[in-house]
PDB file of all heavy atoms in Angstrom:
ATOM      1  N   LEU A   1       4.213   2.942   3.938  1.00  0.00           N
ATOM      2  CA  LEU A   1       3.825   1.592   4.357  1.00  0.00           C
ATOM      3  C   LEU A   1       2.803   1.700   5.481  1.00  0.00           C
ATOM      4  O   LEU A   1       2.958   2.498   6.395  1.00  0.00           O
ATOM      5  CB  LEU A   1       5.039   0.802   4.823  1.00  0.00           C
ATOM      6  CG  LEU A   1       6.126   0.536   3.776  1.00  0.00           C
ATOM      7  CD1 LEU A   1       7.322  -0.140   4.410  1.00  0.00           C
ATOM      8  CD2 LEU A   1       5.576  -0.313   2.638  1.00  0.00           C
ATOM      9  N   VAL A   2       1.781   0.858   5.393  1.00  0.00           N
ATOM     10  CA  VAL A   2       0.715   0.846   6.400  1.00  0.00           C
ATOM     11  C   VAL A   2       0.469  -0.590   6.843  1.00  0.00           C
ATOM     12  O   VAL A   2       0.807  -1.530   6.121  1.00  0.00           O
ATOM     13  CB  VAL A   2      -0.588   1.469   5.836  1.00  0.00           C
ATOM     14  CG1 VAL A   2      -0.387   2.940   5.494  1.00  0.00           C
ATOM     15  CG2 VAL A   2      -1.079   0.709   4.624  1.00  0.00           C
ATOM     16  N   PRO A   3      -0.107  -0.783   8.022  1.00  0.00           N
ATOM     17  CA  PRO A   3      -0.407  -2.145   8.458  1.00  0.00           C
ATOM     18  C   PRO A   3      -1.409  -2.814   7.516  1.00  0.00           C
ATOM     19  O   PRO A   3      -2.403  -2.220   7.114  1.00  0.00           O
ATOM     20  CB  PRO A   3      -1.024  -1.951   9.848  1.00  0.00           C
ATOM     21  CG  PRO A   3      -0.625  -0.578  10.269  1.00  0.00           C
ATOM     22  CD  PRO A   3      -0.440   0.217   9.026  1.00  0.00           C
ATOM     23  N   GLY A   4      -1.103  -4.064   7.152  1.00  0.00           N
ATOM     24  CA  GLY A   4      -2.022  -4.825   6.309  1.00  0.00           C
ATOM     25  C   GLY A   4      -3.263  -5.221   7.098  1.00  0.00           C
ATOM     26  O   GLY A   4      -3.276  -5.203   8.334  1.00  0.00           O
ATOM     27  N   ARG A   5      -4.311  -5.603   6.379  1.00  0.00           N
ATOM     28  CA  ARG A   5      -5.572  -5.934   7.052  1.00  0.00           C
ATOM     29  C   ARG A   5      -5.855  -7.429   7.078  1.00  0.00           C
ATOM     30  O   ARG A   5      -6.762  -7.871   7.750  1.00  0.00           O
ATOM     31  CB  ARG A   5      -6.729  -5.219   6.355  1.00  0.00           C
ATOM     32  CG  ARG A   5      -6.584  -3.711   6.425  1.00  0.00           C
ATOM     33  CD  ARG A   5      -7.758  -2.980   5.893  1.00  0.00           C
ATOM     34  NE  ARG A   5      -8.165  -3.451   4.577  1.00  0.00           N
ATOM     35  CZ  ARG A   5      -9.065  -2.881   3.805  1.00  0.00           C
ATOM     36  NH1 ARG A   5      -9.659  -1.785   4.215  1.00  0.00           N
ATOM     37  NH2 ARG A   5      -9.376  -3.368   2.632  1.00  0.00           N
ATOM     38  N   SER A   6      -5.078  -8.224   6.358  1.00  0.00           N
ATOM     39  CA  SER A   6      -5.381  -9.655   6.291  1.00  0.00           C
ATOM     40  C   SER A   6      -4.359 -10.464   7.087  1.00  0.00           C
ATOM     41  O   SER A   6      -3.278  -9.981   7.426  1.00  0.00           O
ATOM     42  CB  SER A   6      -5.396 -10.128   4.837  1.00  0.00           C
ATOM     43  OG  SER A   6      -4.086 -10.108   4.312  1.00  0.00           O
ATOM     44  N   SER A   7      -4.697 -11.722   7.346  1.00  0.00           N
ATOM     45  CA  SER A   7      -3.765 -12.603   8.053  1.00  0.00           C
ATOM     46  C   SER A   7      -2.566 -12.923   7.164  1.00  0.00           C
ATOM     47  O   SER A   7      -1.470 -13.150   7.663  1.00  0.00           O
ATOM     48  CB  SER A   7      -4.478 -13.886   8.474  1.00  0.00           C
ATOM     49  OG  SER A   7      -5.033 -14.538   7.344  1.00  0.00           O
ATOM     50  N   ALA A   8      -2.766 -12.914   5.847  1.00  0.00           N
ATOM     51  CA  ALA A   8      -1.647 -13.145   4.932  1.00  0.00           C
ATOM     52  C   ALA A   8      -0.630 -12.014   5.026  1.00  0.00           C
ATOM     53  O   ALA A   8       0.578 -12.258   4.945  1.00  0.00           O
ATOM     54  CB  ALA A   8      -2.150 -13.277   3.493  1.00  0.00           C
ATOM     55  N   ASP A   9      -1.105 -10.816   5.203  1.00  0.00           N
ATOM     56  CA  ASP A   9      -0.197  -9.678   5.372  1.00  0.00           C
ATOM     57  C   ASP A   9       0.619  -9.840   6.646  1.00  0.00           C
ATOM     58  O   ASP A   9       1.824  -9.586   6.659  1.00  0.00           O
ATOM     59  CB  ASP A   9      -0.978  -8.354   5.430  1.00  0.00           C
ATOM     60  CG  ASP A   9      -1.652  -8.010   4.119  1.00  0.00           C
ATOM     61  OD1 ASP A   9      -1.185  -8.482   3.062  1.00  0.00           O
ATOM     62  OD2 ASP A   9      -2.654  -7.279   4.154  1.00  0.00           O
ATOM     63  N   ALA A  10      -0.030 -10.264   7.710  1.00  0.00           N
ATOM     64  CA  ALA A  10       0.659 -10.449   8.988  1.00  0.00           C
ATOM     65  C   ALA A  10       1.659 -11.591   8.903  1.00  0.00           C
ATOM     66  O   ALA A  10       2.745 -11.524   9.484  1.00  0.00           O
ATOM     67  CB  ALA A  10      -0.348 -10.700  10.097  1.00  0.00           C
ATOM     68  N   ALA A  11       1.318 -12.669   8.173  1.00  0.00           N
ATOM     69  CA  ALA A  11       2.195 -13.834   8.054  1.00  0.00           C
ATOM     70  C   ALA A  11       3.423 -13.529   7.191  1.00  0.00           C
ATOM     71  O   ALA A  11       4.431 -14.229   7.272  1.00  0.00           O
ATOM     72  CB  ALA A  11       1.424 -15.009   7.462  1.00  0.00           C
ATOM     73  N   ARG A  12       3.354 -12.542   6.367  1.00  0.00           N
ATOM     74  CA  ARG A  12       4.435 -12.183   5.456  1.00  0.00           C
ATOM     75  C   ARG A  12       5.649 -11.643   6.209  1.00  0.00           C
ATOM     76  O   ARG A  12       6.741 -11.585   5.689  1.00  0.00           O
ATOM     77  CB  ARG A  12       3.923 -11.134   4.461  1.00  0.00           C
ATOM     78  CG  ARG A  12       4.739 -11.073   3.208  1.00  0.00           C
ATOM     79  CD  ARG A  12       4.181 -10.125   2.178  1.00  0.00           C
ATOM     80  NE  ARG A  12       2.800 -10.443   1.858  1.00  0.00           N
ATOM     81  CZ  ARG A  12       1.841  -9.550   1.652  1.00  0.00           C
ATOM     82  NH1 ARG A  12       2.104  -8.266   1.743  1.00  0.00           N
ATOM     83  NH2 ARG A  12       0.623  -9.907   1.359  1.00  0.00           N
ATOM     84  N   GLY A  13       5.463 -11.221   7.429  1.00  0.00           N
ATOM     85  CA  GLY A  13       6.569 -10.675   8.200  1.00  0.00           C
ATOM     86  C   GLY A  13       6.641  -9.168   8.070  1.00  0.00           C
ATOM     87  O   GLY A  13       5.717  -8.512   7.582  1.00  0.00           O
ATOM     88  N   GLU A  14       7.746  -8.611   8.496  1.00  0.00           N
ATOM     89  CA  GLU A  14       7.989  -7.173   8.466  1.00  0.00           C
ATOM     90  C   GLU A  14       6.856  -6.400   9.125  1.00  0.00           C
ATOM     91  O   GLU A  14       6.475  -5.312   8.687  1.00  0.00           O
ATOM     92  CB  GLU A  14       8.206  -6.685   7.034  1.00  0.00           C
ATOM     93  CG  GLU A  14       9.416  -7.298   6.372  1.00  0.00           C
ATOM     94  CD  GLU A  14       9.619  -6.798   4.951  1.00  0.00           C
ATOM     95  OE1 GLU A  14       8.992  -5.802   4.552  1.00  0.00           O
ATOM     96  OE2 GLU A  14      10.423  -7.404   4.248  1.00  0.00           O
ATOM     97  N   GLY A  15       6.292  -6.973  10.169  1.00  0.00           N
ATOM     98  CA  GLY A  15       5.241  -6.298  10.912  1.00  0.00           C
ATOM     99  C   GLY A  15       3.917  -6.236  10.174  1.00  0.00           C
ATOM    100  O   GLY A  15       3.022  -5.491  10.560  1.00  0.00           O
ATOM    101  N   GLY A  16       3.789  -7.022   9.115  1.00  0.00           N
ATOM    102  CA  GLY A  16       2.543  -7.017   8.353  1.00  0.00           C
ATOM    103  C   GLY A  16       2.305  -5.729   7.580  1.00  0.00           C
ATOM    104  O   GLY A  16       1.166  -5.380   7.274  1.00  0.00           O
ATOM    105  N   LEU A  17       3.392  -4.994   7.271  1.00  0.00           N
ATOM    106  CA  LEU A  17       3.249  -3.737   6.541  1.00  0.00           C
ATOM    107  C   LEU A  17       3.087  -3.988   5.040  1.00  0.00           C
ATOM    108  O   LEU A  17       3.721  -4.873   4.481  1.00  0.00           O
ATOM    109  CB  LEU A  17       4.456  -2.832   6.776  1.00  0.00           C
ATOM    110  CG  LEU A  17       4.662  -2.341   8.211  1.00  0.00           C
ATOM    111  CD1 LEU A  17       5.944  -1.527   8.309  1.00  0.00           C
ATOM    112  CD2 LEU A  17       3.464  -1.521   8.660  1.00  0.00           C
ATOM    113  N   VAL A  18       2.236  -3.185   4.426  1.00  0.00           N
ATOM    114  CA  VAL A  18       2.013  -3.245   2.977  1.00  0.00           C
ATOM    115  C   VAL A  18       2.105  -1.826   2.419  1.00  0.00           C
ATOM    116  O   VAL A  18       2.040  -0.847   3.163  1.00  0.00           O
ATOM    117  CB  VAL A  18       0.632  -3.865   2.633  1.00  0.00           C
ATOM    118  CG1 VAL A  18       0.551  -5.308   3.109  1.00  0.00           C
ATOM    119  CG2 VAL A  18      -0.500  -3.045   3.223  1.00  0.00           C
ATOM    120  N   LYS A  19       2.231  -1.754   1.107  1.00  0.00           N
ATOM    121  CA  LYS A  19       2.297  -0.429   0.477  1.00  0.00           C
ATOM    122  C   LYS A  19       0.966   0.293   0.669  1.00  0.00           C
ATOM    123  O   LYS A  19      -0.100  -0.279   0.467  1.00  0.00           O
ATOM    124  CB  LYS A  19       2.606  -0.575  -1.008  1.00  0.00           C
ATOM    125  CG  LYS A  19       2.779   0.752  -1.721  1.00  0.00           C
ATOM    126  CD  LYS A  19       3.365   0.649  -3.112  1.00  0.00           C
ATOM    127  CE  LYS A  19       2.516  -0.153  -4.044  1.00  0.00           C
ATOM    128  NZ  LYS A  19       2.968  -0.085  -5.435  1.00  0.00           N
ATOM    129  N   ASN A  20       1.058   1.546   1.076  1.00  0.00           N
ATOM    130  CA  ASN A  20      -0.126   2.379   1.255  1.00  0.00           C
ATOM    131  C   ASN A  20      -0.839   2.500  -0.102  1.00  0.00           C
ATOM    132  O   ASN A  20      -0.217   2.880  -1.096  1.00  0.00           O
ATOM    133  CB  ASN A  20       0.304   3.768   1.763  1.00  0.00           C
ATOM    134  CG  ASN A  20      -0.852   4.669   2.114  1.00  0.00           C
ATOM    135  OD1 ASN A  20      -1.955   4.501   1.631  1.00  0.00           O
ATOM    136  ND2 ASN A  20      -0.581   5.648   2.957  1.00  0.00           N
ATOM    137  N   PRO A  21      -2.132   2.188  -0.186  1.00  0.00           N
ATOM    138  CA  PRO A  21      -2.865   2.315  -1.455  1.00  0.00           C
ATOM    139  C   PRO A  21      -2.845   3.736  -2.018  1.00  0.00           C
ATOM    140  O   PRO A  21      -3.013   3.936  -3.221  1.00  0.00           O
ATOM    141  CB  PRO A  21      -4.295   1.902  -1.098  1.00  0.00           C
ATOM    142  CG  PRO A  21      -4.181   1.128   0.158  1.00  0.00           C
ATOM    143  CD  PRO A  21      -2.967   1.634   0.869  1.00  0.00           C
ATOM    144  N   SER A  22      -2.597   4.712  -1.171  1.00  0.00           N
ATOM    145  CA  SER A  22      -2.529   6.092  -1.642  1.00  0.00           C
ATOM    146  C   SER A  22      -1.324   6.343  -2.538  1.00  0.00           C
ATOM    147  O   SER A  22      -1.324   7.295  -3.324  1.00  0.00           O
ATOM    148  CB  SER A  22      -2.512   7.059  -0.457  1.00  0.00           C
ATOM    149  OG  SER A  22      -3.757   7.053   0.190  1.00  0.00           O
ATOM    150  N   VAL A  23      -0.292   5.477  -2.444  1.00  0.00           N
ATOM    151  CA  VAL A  23       0.871   5.627  -3.321  1.00  0.00           C
ATOM    152  C   VAL A  23       0.434   5.408  -4.770  1.00  0.00           C
ATOM    153  O   VAL A  23       0.756   6.193  -5.664  1.00  0.00           O
ATOM    154  CB  VAL A  23       2.003   4.651  -2.922  1.00  0.00           C
ATOM    155  CG1 VAL A  23       3.116   4.644  -3.951  1.00  0.00           C
ATOM    156  CG2 VAL A  23       2.544   5.016  -1.544  1.00  0.00           C
ATOM    157  N   ALA A  24      -0.339   4.341  -5.017  1.00  0.00           N
ATOM    158  CA  ALA A  24      -0.838   4.063  -6.371  1.00  0.00           C
ATOM    159  C   ALA A  24      -1.833   5.140  -6.807  1.00  0.00           C
ATOM    160  O   ALA A  24      -1.826   5.570  -7.967  1.00  0.00           O
ATOM    161  CB  ALA A  24      -1.484   2.687  -6.430  1.00  0.00           C
ATOM    162  N   ALA A  25      -2.666   5.577  -5.873  1.00  0.00           N
ATOM    163  CA  ALA A  25      -3.636   6.624  -6.204  1.00  0.00           C
ATOM    164  C   ALA A  25      -2.925   7.921  -6.582  1.00  0.00           C
ATOM    165  O   ALA A  25      -3.320   8.602  -7.534  1.00  0.00           O
ATOM    166  CB  ALA A  25      -4.585   6.862  -5.021  1.00  0.00           C
ATOM    167  N   MET A  26      -1.839   8.239  -5.878  1.00  0.00           N
ATOM    168  CA  MET A  26      -1.094   9.456  -6.178  1.00  0.00           C
ATOM    169  C   MET A  26      -0.401   9.334  -7.536  1.00  0.00           C
ATOM    170  O   MET A  26      -0.383  10.298  -8.313  1.00  0.00           O
ATOM    171  CB  MET A  26      -0.068   9.727  -5.077  1.00  0.00           C
ATOM    172  CG  MET A  26       0.570  11.097  -5.194  1.00  0.00           C
ATOM    173  SD  MET A  26       1.501  11.556  -3.729  1.00  0.00           S
ATOM    174  CE  MET A  26       3.107  10.993  -4.191  1.00  0.00           C
ATOM    175  N   ARG A  27       0.145   8.154  -7.828  1.00  0.00           N
ATOM    176  CA  ARG A  27       0.792   7.944  -9.130  1.00  0.00           C
ATOM    177  C   ARG A  27      -0.217   8.114 -10.266  1.00  0.00           C
ATOM    178  O   ARG A  27       0.034   8.814 -11.245  1.00  0.00           O
ATOM    179  CB  ARG A  27       1.420   6.556  -9.194  1.00  0.00           C
ATOM    180  CG  ARG A  27       2.142   6.285 -10.510  1.00  0.00           C
ATOM    181  CD  ARG A  27       2.578   4.843 -10.658  1.00  0.00           C
ATOM    182  NE  ARG A  27       1.414   3.987 -10.630  1.00  0.00           N
ATOM    183  CZ  ARG A  27       1.242   2.973  -9.772  1.00  0.00           C
ATOM    184  NH1 ARG A  27       2.145   2.705  -8.864  1.00  0.00           N
ATOM    185  NH2 ARG A  27       0.152   2.244  -9.830  1.00  0.00           N
ATOM    186  N   ASP A  28      -1.393   7.494 -10.125  1.00  0.00           N
ATOM    187  CA  ASP A  28      -2.426   7.605 -11.158  1.00  0.00           C
ATOM    188  C   ASP A  28      -2.902   9.052 -11.311  1.00  0.00           C
ATOM    189  O   ASP A  28      -3.075   9.538 -12.432  1.00  0.00           O
ATOM    190  CB  ASP A  28      -3.621   6.707 -10.824  1.00  0.00           C
ATOM    191  CG  ASP A  28      -3.270   5.232 -10.866  1.00  0.00           C
ATOM    192  OD1 ASP A  28      -2.200   4.878 -11.413  1.00  0.00           O
ATOM    193  OD2 ASP A  28      -4.064   4.439 -10.346  1.00  0.00           O
ATOM    194  N   ALA A  29      -3.103   9.727 -10.199  1.00  0.00           N
ATOM    195  CA  ALA A  29      -3.568  11.117 -10.244  1.00  0.00           C
ATOM    196  C   ALA A  29      -2.526  12.015 -10.895  1.00  0.00           C
ATOM    197  O   ALA A  29      -2.872  12.911 -11.679  1.00  0.00           O
ATOM    198  CB  ALA A  29      -3.907  11.617  -8.841  1.00  0.00           C
ATOM    199  N   SER A  30      -1.248  11.776 -10.598  1.00  0.00           N
ATOM    200  CA  SER A  30      -0.208  12.627 -11.183  1.00  0.00           C
ATOM    201  C   SER A  30      -0.128  12.424 -12.694  1.00  0.00           C
ATOM    202  O   SER A  30       0.089  13.382 -13.442  1.00  0.00           O
ATOM    203  CB  SER A  30       1.150  12.389 -10.526  1.00  0.00           C
ATOM    204  OG  SER A  30       1.653  11.115 -10.848  1.00  0.00           O
ATOM    205  N   GLN A  31      -0.339  11.198 -13.164  1.00  0.00           N
ATOM    206  CA  GLN A  31      -0.342  10.951 -14.613  1.00  0.00           C
ATOM    207  C   GLN A  31      -1.514  11.666 -15.275  1.00  0.00           C
ATOM    208  O   GLN A  31      -1.359  12.305 -16.329  1.00  0.00           O
ATOM    209  CB  GLN A  31      -0.411   9.455 -14.896  1.00  0.00           C
ATOM    210  CG  GLN A  31       0.867   8.730 -14.563  1.00  0.00           C
ATOM    211  CD  GLN A  31       0.729   7.225 -14.678  1.00  0.00           C
ATOM    212  OE1 GLN A  31      -0.368   6.680 -14.723  1.00  0.00           O
ATOM    213  NE2 GLN A  31       1.857   6.540 -14.717  1.00  0.00           N
ATOM    214  N   GLN A  32      -2.691  11.581 -14.679  1.00  0.00           N
ATOM    215  CA  GLN A  32      -3.863  12.255 -15.230  1.00  0.00           C
ATOM    216  C   GLN A  32      -3.705  13.778 -15.172  1.00  0.00           C
ATOM    217  O   GLN A  32      -4.056  14.483 -16.117  1.00  0.00           O
ATOM    218  CB  GLN A  32      -5.126  11.833 -14.479  1.00  0.00           C
ATOM    219  CG  GLN A  32      -5.598  10.449 -14.819  1.00  0.00           C
ATOM    220  CD  GLN A  32      -6.046  10.349 -16.264  1.00  0.00           C
ATOM    221  OE1 GLN A  32      -6.746  11.217 -16.779  1.00  0.00           O
ATOM    222  NE2 GLN A  32      -5.623   9.296 -16.929  1.00  0.00           N
ATOM    223  N   LEU A  33      -3.164  14.247 -14.077  1.00  0.00           N
ATOM    224  CA  LEU A  33      -2.956  15.688 -13.921  1.00  0.00           C
ATOM    225  C   LEU A  33      -1.994  16.204 -14.983  1.00  0.00           C
ATOM    226  O   LEU A  33      -2.240  17.243 -15.596  1.00  0.00           O
ATOM    227  CB  LEU A  33      -2.422  15.975 -12.519  1.00  0.00           C
ATOM    228  CG  LEU A  33      -2.454  17.400 -12.040  1.00  0.00           C
ATOM    229  CD1 LEU A  33      -3.860  17.965 -12.057  1.00  0.00           C
ATOM    230  CD2 LEU A  33      -1.883  17.477 -10.634  1.00  0.00           C
ATOM    231  N   ARG A  34      -0.918  15.458 -15.224  1.00  0.00           N
ATOM    232  CA  ARG A  34       0.049  15.843 -16.251  1.00  0.00           C
ATOM    233  C   ARG A  34      -0.627  15.895 -17.626  1.00  0.00           C
ATOM    234  O   ARG A  34      -0.402  16.819 -18.414  1.00  0.00           O
ATOM    235  CB  ARG A  34       1.212  14.847 -16.242  1.00  0.00           C
ATOM    236  CG  ARG A  34       2.456  15.352 -16.835  1.00  0.00           C
ATOM    237  CD  ARG A  34       3.676  14.478 -16.581  1.00  0.00           C
ATOM    238  NE  ARG A  34       3.412  13.068 -16.437  1.00  0.00           N
ATOM    239  CZ  ARG A  34       3.655  12.373 -15.326  1.00  0.00           C
ATOM    240  NH1 ARG A  34       4.135  12.959 -14.265  1.00  0.00           N
ATOM    241  NH2 ARG A  34       3.407  11.082 -15.281  1.00  0.00           N
TER     242      ARG A  34
END
């Protein structure tokens, strides 16, 4: 989880944390690698 960059992320609560985009990048890379 990383800090969000938009005001909507901050308004969502939980400290404005969002899923790190690298999680999706790692999932996609692991599928291609496999």
